[in-house]
Amino acid sequence: MTKEKKQQLSFAFIMSMLMAFCMSGILTALNTGFDYGFVLRWMRAFLVAWACAFPLVLLFAPFTRKLVARLLP
Protein backbone atom coordinates (compact mmCIF):
# COMPACT_ATOMS: atom_id res chain seq x y z
CA MET A 1 0.00 0.00 0.00
CA THR A 2 1.35 3.41 -0.94
CA LYS A 3 2.01 6.16 1.57
CA GLU A 4 -0.71 8.30 -0.02
CA LYS A 5 -3.29 5.50 0.31
CA LYS A 6 -2.32 4.95 3.96
CA GLN A 7 -2.71 8.67 4.62
CA GLN A 8 -6.14 8.71 2.96
CA LEU A 9 -7.33 5.73 5.00
CA SER A 10 -5.92 7.19 8.22
CA PHE A 11 -7.59 10.52 7.50
CA ALA A 12 -10.95 8.82 6.84
CA PHE A 13 -10.60 6.71 9.99
CA ILE A 14 -9.78 9.64 12.28
CA MET A 15 -12.16 12.16 10.67
CA SER A 16 -15.09 9.74 10.76
CA MET A 17 -14.32 8.93 14.40
CA LEU A 18 -14.18 12.57 15.47
CA MET A 19 -17.31 13.53 13.54
CA ALA A 20 -19.30 10.53 14.79
CA PHE A 21 -18.14 11.19 18.37
CA CYS A 22 -19.17 14.86 18.34
CA MET A 23 -22.40 14.46 16.43
CA SER A 24 -23.61 11.46 18.42
CA GLY A 25 -22.92 13.33 21.66
CA ILE A 26 -24.82 16.41 20.52
CA LEU A 27 -27.78 14.46 19.17
CA THR A 28 -27.94 12.14 22.19
CA ALA A 29 -28.01 15.17 24.50
CA LEU A 30 -30.69 16.91 22.44
CA ASN A 31 -32.89 13.81 22.18
CA THR A 32 -32.53 12.33 25.66
CA GLY A 33 -30.97 15.00 27.87
CA PHE A 34 -28.23 14.67 30.45
CA ASP A 35 -28.86 12.14 33.17
CA TYR A 36 -27.23 9.12 34.77
CA GLY A 37 -27.36 6.97 31.60
CA PHE A 38 -26.22 9.68 29.17
CA VAL A 39 -22.65 8.46 28.67
CA LEU A 40 -23.73 4.87 27.98
CA ARG A 41 -26.35 6.03 25.46
CA TRP A 42 -23.79 8.33 23.85
CA MET A 43 -21.16 5.60 23.49
CA ARG A 44 -23.71 3.21 22.03
CA ALA A 45 -24.84 5.87 19.54
CA PHE A 46 -21.20 6.70 18.75
CA LEU A 47 -20.37 3.10 17.85
CA VAL A 48 -23.36 2.86 15.52
CA ALA A 49 -22.59 6.24 13.96
CA TRP A 50 -18.92 5.42 13.46
CA ALA A 51 -19.75 2.04 11.92
CA CYS A 52 -21.80 3.98 9.35
CA ALA A 53 -19.52 7.01 8.98
CA PHE A 54 -16.23 5.29 8.16
CA PRO A 55 -17.43 3.32 5.11
CA LEU A 56 -19.46 6.33 3.95
CA VAL A 57 -16.39 8.57 4.09
CA LEU A 58 -14.48 6.01 2.03
CA LEU A 59 -17.36 5.78 -0.44
CA PHE A 60 -17.94 9.51 -0.90
CA ALA A 61 -14.35 10.78 -0.68
CA PRO A 62 -13.47 10.25 -4.37
CA PHE A 63 -16.67 11.98 -5.54
CA THR A 64 -16.10 14.85 -3.11
CA ARG A 65 -12.50 15.35 -4.26
CA LYS A 66 -13.66 15.52 -7.89
CA LEU A 67 -16.47 17.92 -7.00
CA VAL A 68 -14.11 20.23 -5.12
CA ALA A 69 -11.62 20.11 -8.01
CA ARG A 70 -14.40 21.21 -10.38
CA LEU A 71 -15.70 23.92 -8.10
CA LEU A 72 -12.26 25.33 -7.31
CA PRO A 73 -10.12 24.93 -10.45
PDB file of N, CA and C in Angstrom:
ATOM      1  N   MET A   1       0.841  -1.171   0.000  1.00  0.00           N
ATOM      2  CA  MET A   1       0.000   0.000   0.000  1.00  0.00           C
ATOM      3  C   MET A   1       0.896   1.246   0.000  1.00  0.00           C
ATOM      4  N   THR A   2       0.533   2.203  -0.830  1.00  0.00           N
ATOM      5  CA  THR A   2       1.350   3.407  -0.942  1.00  0.00           C
ATOM      6  C   THR A   2       1.145   4.312   0.280  1.00  0.00           C
ATOM      7  N   LYS A   3       2.095   5.212   0.456  1.00  0.00           N
ATOM      8  CA  LYS A   3       2.014   6.156   1.571  1.00  0.00           C
ATOM      9  C   LYS A   3       0.767   7.031   1.432  1.00  0.00           C
ATOM     10  N   GLU A   4       0.462   7.463   0.206  1.00  0.00           N
ATOM     11  CA  GLU A   4      -0.713   8.301  -0.023  1.00  0.00           C
ATOM     12  C   GLU A   4      -2.005   7.569   0.350  1.00  0.00           C
ATOM     13  N   LYS A   5      -2.095   6.303  -0.019  1.00  0.00           N
ATOM     14  CA  LYS A   5      -3.288   5.504   0.307  1.00  0.00           C
ATOM     15  C   LYS A   5      -3.417   5.321   1.821  1.00  0.00           C
ATOM     16  N   LYS A   6      -2.295   5.080   2.495  1.00  0.00           N
ATOM     17  CA  LYS A   6      -2.316   4.954   3.957  1.00  0.00           C
ATOM     18  C   LYS A   6      -2.771   6.250   4.610  1.00  0.00           C
ATOM     19  N   GLN A   7      -2.309   7.378   4.071  1.00  0.00           N
ATOM     20  CA  GLN A   7      -2.714   8.671   4.616  1.00  0.00           C
ATOM     21  C   GLN A   7      -4.209   8.906   4.402  1.00  0.00           C
ATOM     22  N   GLN A   8      -4.715   8.542   3.242  1.00  0.00           N
ATOM     23  CA  GLN A   8      -6.138   8.713   2.959  1.00  0.00           C
ATOM     24  C   GLN A   8      -6.986   7.852   3.895  1.00  0.00           C
ATOM     25  N   LEU A   9      -6.591   6.608   4.097  1.00  0.00           N
ATOM     26  CA  LEU A   9      -7.332   5.727   5.001  1.00  0.00           C
ATOM     27  C   LEU A   9      -7.255   6.214   6.440  1.00  0.00           C
ATOM     28  N   SER A  10      -6.082   6.670   6.856  1.00  0.00           N
ATOM     29  CA  SER A  10      -5.916   7.192   8.215  1.00  0.00           C
ATOM     30  C   SER A  10      -6.767   8.439   8.418  1.00  0.00           C
ATOM     31  N   PHE A  11      -6.769   9.322   7.424  1.00  0.00           N
ATOM     32  CA  PHE A  11      -7.593  10.523   7.500  1.00  0.00           C
ATOM     33  C   PHE A  11      -9.069  10.151   7.639  1.00  0.00           C
ATOM     34  N   ALA A  12      -9.543   9.241   6.801  1.00  0.00           N
ATOM     35  CA  ALA A  12     -10.948   8.822   6.843  1.00  0.00           C
ATOM     36  C   ALA A  12     -11.288   8.188   8.186  1.00  0.00           C
ATOM     37  N   PHE A  13     -10.398   7.381   8.712  1.00  0.00           N
ATOM     38  CA  PHE A  13     -10.604   6.712   9.995  1.00  0.00           C
ATOM     39  C   PHE A  13     -10.745   7.735  11.119  1.00  0.00           C
ATOM     40  N   ILE A  14      -9.795   8.665  11.192  1.00  0.00           N
ATOM     41  CA  ILE A  14      -9.782   9.644  12.281  1.00  0.00           C
ATOM     42  C   ILE A  14     -10.911  10.660  12.112  1.00  0.00           C
ATOM     43  N   MET A  15     -11.109  11.165  10.895  1.00  0.00           N
ATOM     44  CA  MET A  15     -12.159  12.157  10.675  1.00  0.00           C
ATOM     45  C   MET A  15     -13.530  11.567  10.961  1.00  0.00           C
ATOM     46  N   SER A  16     -13.786  10.356  10.501  1.00  0.00           N
ATOM     47  CA  SER A  16     -15.092   9.737  10.764  1.00  0.00           C
ATOM     48  C   SER A  16     -15.289   9.500  12.255  1.00  0.00           C
ATOM     49  N   MET A  17     -14.220   9.144  12.956  1.00  0.00           N
ATOM     50  CA  MET A  17     -14.321   8.926  14.395  1.00  0.00           C
ATOM     51  C   MET A  17     -14.656  10.228  15.120  1.00  0.00           C
ATOM     52  N   LEU A  18     -13.942  11.292  14.801  1.00  0.00           N
ATOM     53  CA  LEU A  18     -14.181  12.571  15.466  1.00  0.00           C
ATOM     54  C   LEU A  18     -15.578  13.117  15.162  1.00  0.00           C
ATOM     55  N   MET A  19     -15.980  13.037  13.910  1.00  0.00           N
ATOM     56  CA  MET A  19     -17.305  13.532  13.537  1.00  0.00           C
ATOM     57  C   MET A  19     -18.412  12.706  14.200  1.00  0.00           C
ATOM     58  N   ALA A  20     -18.294  11.392  14.169  1.00  0.00           N
ATOM     59  CA  ALA A  20     -19.305  10.531  14.787  1.00  0.00           C
ATOM     60  C   ALA A  20     -19.361  10.764  16.293  1.00  0.00           C
ATOM     61  N   PHE A  21     -18.204  10.957  16.920  1.00  0.00           N
ATOM     62  CA  PHE A  21     -18.143  11.191  18.365  1.00  0.00           C
ATOM     63  C   PHE A  21     -18.878  12.478  18.732  1.00  0.00           C
ATOM     64  N   CYS A  22     -18.550  13.568  18.037  1.00  0.00           N
ATOM     65  CA  CYS A  22     -19.168  14.865  18.340  1.00  0.00           C
ATOM     66  C   CYS A  22     -20.656  14.874  18.018  1.00  0.00           C
ATOM     67  N   MET A  23     -20.997  14.403  16.838  1.00  0.00           N
ATOM     68  CA  MET A  23     -22.396  14.459  16.427  1.00  0.00           C
ATOM     69  C   MET A  23     -23.272  13.543  17.268  1.00  0.00           C
ATOM     70  N   SER A  24     -22.793  12.362  17.595  1.00  0.00           N
ATOM     71  CA  SER A  24     -23.606  11.458  18.418  1.00  0.00           C
ATOM     72  C   SER A  24     -23.795  12.030  19.817  1.00  0.00           C
ATOM     73  N   GLY A  25     -22.781  12.702  20.343  1.00  0.00           N
ATOM     74  CA  GLY A  25     -22.919  13.334  21.661  1.00  0.00           C
ATOM     75  C   GLY A  25     -23.942  14.450  21.645  1.00  0.00           C
ATOM     76  N   ILE A  26     -23.873  15.301  20.633  1.00  0.00           N
ATOM     77  CA  ILE A  26     -24.817  16.410  20.521  1.00  0.00           C
ATOM     78  C   ILE A  26     -26.242  15.895  20.346  1.00  0.00           C
ATOM     79  N   LEU A  27     -26.430  14.958  19.434  1.00  0.00           N
ATOM     80  CA  LEU A  27     -27.778  14.457  19.175  1.00  0.00           C
ATOM     81  C   LEU A  27     -28.335  13.642  20.334  1.00  0.00           C
ATOM     82  N   THR A  28     -27.485  12.884  21.016  1.00  0.00           N
ATOM     83  CA  THR A  28     -27.944  12.139  22.188  1.00  0.00           C
ATOM     84  C   THR A  28     -28.396  13.107  23.278  1.00  0.00           C
ATOM     85  N   ALA A  29     -27.636  14.173  23.485  1.00  0.00           N
ATOM     86  CA  ALA A  29     -28.010  15.166  24.498  1.00  0.00           C
ATOM     87  C   ALA A  29     -29.319  15.863  24.125  1.00  0.00           C
ATOM     88  N   LEU A  30     -29.461  16.233  22.869  1.00  0.00           N
ATOM     89  CA  LEU A  30     -30.692  16.907  22.440  1.00  0.00           C
ATOM     90  C   LEU A  30     -31.912  15.999  22.555  1.00  0.00           C
ATOM     91  N   ASN A  31     -31.742  14.735  22.209  1.00  0.00           N
ATOM     92  CA  ASN A  31     -32.886  13.815  22.179  1.00  0.00           C
ATOM     93  C   ASN A  31     -33.238  13.226  23.530  1.00  0.00           C
ATOM     94  N   THR A  32     -32.246  13.030  24.397  1.00  0.00           N
ATOM     95  CA  THR A  32     -32.528  12.334  25.657  1.00  0.00           C
ATOM     96  C   THR A  32     -32.142  13.124  26.897  1.00  0.00           C
ATOM     97  N   GLY A  33     -31.377  14.203  26.722  1.00  0.00           N
ATOM     98  CA  GLY A  33     -30.965  15.001  27.870  1.00  0.00           C
ATOM     99  C   GLY A  33     -29.794  14.385  28.615  1.00  0.00           C
ATOM    100  N   PHE A  34     -29.339  15.123  29.609  1.00  0.00           N
ATOM    101  CA  PHE A  34     -28.228  14.672  30.448  1.00  0.00           C
ATOM    102  C   PHE A  34     -28.787  14.050  31.724  1.00  0.00           C
ATOM    103  N   ASP A  35     -28.492  12.803  31.932  1.00  0.00           N
ATOM    104  CA  ASP A  35     -28.864  12.139  33.174  1.00  0.00           C
ATOM    105  C   ASP A  35     -27.851  11.034  33.442  1.00  0.00           C
ATOM    106  N   TYR A  36     -28.172  10.165  34.361  1.00  0.00           N
ATOM    107  CA  TYR A  36     -27.232   9.120  34.774  1.00  0.00           C
ATOM    108  C   TYR A  36     -26.799   8.224  33.615  1.00  0.00           C
ATOM    109  N   GLY A  37     -27.679   7.896  32.693  1.00  0.00           N
ATOM    110  CA  GLY A  37     -27.359   6.971  31.605  1.00  0.00           C
ATOM    111  C   GLY A  37     -26.855   7.634  30.335  1.00  0.00           C
ATOM    112  N   PHE A  38     -26.603   8.950  30.378  1.00  0.00           N
ATOM    113  CA  PHE A  38     -26.217   9.677  29.168  1.00  0.00           C
ATOM    114  C   PHE A  38     -24.961   9.108  28.503  1.00  0.00           C
ATOM    115  N   VAL A  39     -23.921   8.894  29.263  1.00  0.00           N
ATOM    116  CA  VAL A  39     -22.649   8.455  28.674  1.00  0.00           C
ATOM    117  C   VAL A  39     -22.804   7.098  27.993  1.00  0.00           C
ATOM    118  N   LEU A  40     -23.513   6.183  28.591  1.00  0.00           N
ATOM    119  CA  LEU A  40     -23.733   4.870  27.982  1.00  0.00           C
ATOM    120  C   LEU A  40     -24.521   5.003  26.674  1.00  0.00           C
ATOM    121  N   ARG A  41     -25.580   5.812  26.683  1.00  0.00           N
ATOM    122  CA  ARG A  41     -26.353   6.032  25.457  1.00  0.00           C
ATOM    123  C   ARG A  41     -25.492   6.683  24.382  1.00  0.00           C
ATOM    124  N   TRP A  42     -24.663   7.637  24.799  1.00  0.00           N
ATOM    125  CA  TRP A  42     -23.789   8.332  23.853  1.00  0.00           C
ATOM    126  C   TRP A  42     -22.801   7.362  23.221  1.00  0.00           C
ATOM    127  N   MET A  43     -22.163   6.538  24.033  1.00  0.00           N
ATOM    128  CA  MET A  43     -21.164   5.604  23.493  1.00  0.00           C
ATOM    129  C   MET A  43     -21.805   4.580  22.567  1.00  0.00           C
ATOM    130  N   ARG A  44     -22.992   4.137  22.899  1.00  0.00           N
ATOM    131  CA  ARG A  44     -23.712   3.210  22.030  1.00  0.00           C
ATOM    132  C   ARG A  44     -24.041   3.884  20.699  1.00  0.00           C
ATOM    133  N   ALA A  45     -24.525   5.115  20.757  1.00  0.00           N
ATOM    134  CA  ALA A  45     -24.837   5.869  19.540  1.00  0.00           C
ATOM    135  C   ALA A  45     -23.569   6.142  18.735  1.00  0.00           C
ATOM    136  N   PHE A  46     -22.478   6.447  19.426  1.00  0.00           N
ATOM    137  CA  PHE A  46     -21.204   6.700  18.753  1.00  0.00           C
ATOM    138  C   PHE A  46     -20.746   5.478  17.962  1.00  0.00           C
ATOM    139  N   LEU A  47     -20.813   4.306  18.548  1.00  0.00           N
ATOM    140  CA  LEU A  47     -20.365   3.096  17.853  1.00  0.00           C
ATOM    141  C   LEU A  47     -21.198   2.829  16.596  1.00  0.00           C
ATOM    142  N   VAL A  48     -22.498   3.041  16.695  1.00  0.00           N
ATOM    143  CA  VAL A  48     -23.359   2.860  15.524  1.00  0.00           C
ATOM    144  C   VAL A  48     -23.035   3.911  14.466  1.00  0.00           C
ATOM    145  N   ALA A  49     -22.891   5.159  14.899  1.00  0.00           N
ATOM    146  CA  ALA A  49     -22.595   6.243  13.963  1.00  0.00           C
ATOM    147  C   ALA A  49     -21.250   6.036  13.283  1.00  0.00           C
ATOM    148  N   TRP A  50     -20.251   5.611  14.044  1.00  0.00           N
ATOM    149  CA  TRP A  50     -18.924   5.416  13.464  1.00  0.00           C
ATOM    150  C   TRP A  50     -18.924   4.245  12.487  1.00  0.00           C
ATOM    151  N   ALA A  51     -19.658   3.198  12.817  1.00  0.00           N
ATOM    152  CA  ALA A  51     -19.752   2.043  11.915  1.00  0.00           C
ATOM    153  C   ALA A  51     -20.371   2.454  10.580  1.00  0.00           C
ATOM    154  N   CYS A  52     -21.222   3.463  10.596  1.00  0.00           N
ATOM    155  CA  CYS A  52     -21.800   3.982   9.351  1.00  0.00           C
ATOM    156  C   CYS A  52     -20.879   5.008   8.697  1.00  0.00           C
ATOM    157  N   ALA A  53     -20.289   5.879   9.500  1.00  0.00           N
ATOM    158  CA  ALA A  53     -19.523   7.014   8.978  1.00  0.00           C
ATOM    159  C   ALA A  53     -18.249   6.590   8.245  1.00  0.00           C
ATOM    160  N   PHE A  54     -17.510   5.648   8.771  1.00  0.00           N
ATOM    161  CA  PHE A  54     -16.231   5.286   8.159  1.00  0.00           C
ATOM    162  C   PHE A  54     -16.402   4.761   6.734  1.00  0.00           C
ATOM    163  N   PRO A  55     -17.264   3.770   6.498  1.00  0.00           N
ATOM    164  CA  PRO A  55     -17.426   3.324   5.112  1.00  0.00           C
ATOM    165  C   PRO A  55     -18.019   4.409   4.208  1.00  0.00           C
ATOM    166  N   LEU A  56     -18.890   5.267   4.760  1.00  0.00           N
ATOM    167  CA  LEU A  56     -19.461   6.331   3.946  1.00  0.00           C
ATOM    168  C   LEU A  56     -18.404   7.355   3.542  1.00  0.00           C
ATOM    169  N   VAL A  57     -17.486   7.662   4.446  1.00  0.00           N
ATOM    170  CA  VAL A  57     -16.386   8.566   4.095  1.00  0.00           C
ATOM    171  C   VAL A  57     -15.559   7.953   2.973  1.00  0.00           C
ATOM    172  N   LEU A  58     -15.260   6.678   3.082  1.00  0.00           N
ATOM    173  CA  LEU A  58     -14.478   6.006   2.034  1.00  0.00           C
ATOM    174  C   LEU A  58     -15.237   6.003   0.706  1.00  0.00           C
ATOM    175  N   LEU A  59     -16.537   5.827   0.768  1.00  0.00           N
ATOM    176  CA  LEU A  59     -17.359   5.783  -0.437  1.00  0.00           C
ATOM    177  C   LEU A  59     -17.465   7.148  -1.119  1.00  0.00           C
ATOM    178  N   PHE A  60     -17.696   8.188  -0.335  1.00  0.00           N
ATOM    179  CA  PHE A  60     -17.941   9.515  -0.900  1.00  0.00           C
ATOM    180  C   PHE A  60     -16.693  10.356  -1.111  1.00  0.00           C
ATOM    181  N   ALA A  61     -15.571   9.974  -0.557  1.00  0.00           N
ATOM    182  CA  ALA A  61     -14.350  10.784  -0.680  1.00  0.00           C
ATOM    183  C   ALA A  61     -13.927  11.015  -2.133  1.00  0.00           C
ATOM    184  N   PRO A  62     -13.882   9.995  -2.982  1.00  0.00           N
ATOM    185  CA  PRO A  62     -13.471  10.251  -4.372  1.00  0.00           C
ATOM    186  C   PRO A  62     -14.403  11.232  -5.098  1.00  0.00           C
ATOM    187  N   PHE A  63     -15.703  11.066  -4.929  1.00  0.00           N
ATOM    188  CA  PHE A  63     -16.673  11.976  -5.535  1.00  0.00           C
ATOM    189  C   PHE A  63     -16.468  13.399  -5.016  1.00  0.00           C
ATOM    190  N   THR A  64     -16.265  13.530  -3.713  1.00  0.00           N
ATOM    191  CA  THR A  64     -16.100  14.849  -3.108  1.00  0.00           C
ATOM    192  C   THR A  64     -14.830  15.531  -3.598  1.00  0.00           C
ATOM    193  N   ARG A  65     -13.753  14.774  -3.732  1.00  0.00           N
ATOM    194  CA  ARG A  65     -12.500  15.347  -4.261  1.00  0.00           C
ATOM    195  C   ARG A  65     -12.703  15.871  -5.678  1.00  0.00           C
ATOM    196  N   LYS A  66     -13.391  15.097  -6.506  1.00  0.00           N
ATOM    197  CA  LYS A  66     -13.658  15.523  -7.891  1.00  0.00           C
ATOM    198  C   LYS A  66     -14.556  16.754  -7.914  1.00  0.00           C
ATOM    199  N   LEU A  67     -15.564  16.776  -7.067  1.00  0.00           N
ATOM    200  CA  LEU A  67     -16.466  17.917  -7.004  1.00  0.00           C
ATOM    201  C   LEU A  67     -15.718  19.185  -6.593  1.00  0.00           C
ATOM    202  N   VAL A  68     -14.883  19.082  -5.595  1.00  0.00           N
ATOM    203  CA  VAL A  68     -14.111  20.229  -5.123  1.00  0.00           C
ATOM    204  C   VAL A  68     -13.152  20.693  -6.212  1.00  0.00           C
ATOM    205  N   ALA A  69     -12.538  19.755  -6.918  1.00  0.00           N
ATOM    206  CA  ALA A  69     -11.620  20.113  -8.010  1.00  0.00           C
ATOM    207  C   ALA A  69     -12.353  20.875  -9.123  1.00  0.00           C
ATOM    208  N   ARG A  70     -13.604  20.514  -9.370  1.00  0.00           N
ATOM    209  CA  ARG A  70     -14.401  21.211 -10.384  1.00  0.00           C
ATOM    210  C   ARG A  70     -14.841  22.593  -9.909  1.00  0.00           C
ATOM    211  N   LEU A  71     -15.222  22.663  -8.643  1.00  0.00           N
ATOM    212  CA  LEU A  71     -15.702  23.924  -8.101  1.00  0.00           C
ATOM    213  C   LEU A  71     -14.587  24.937  -7.894  1.00  0.00           C
ATOM    214  N   LEU A  72     -13.402  24.450  -7.591  1.00  0.00           N
ATOM    215  CA  LEU A  72     -12.256  25.327  -7.313  1.00  0.00           C
ATOM    216  C   LEU A  72     -11.088  24.962  -8.228  1.00  0.00           C
ATOM    217  N   PRO A  73     -11.184  25.321  -9.495  1.00  0.00           N
ATOM    218  CA  PRO A  73     -10.120  24.927 -10.454  1.00  0.00           C
ATOM    219  C   PRO A  73      -8.793  25.636 -10.199  1.00  0.00           C
TER     220      PRO A  73
END
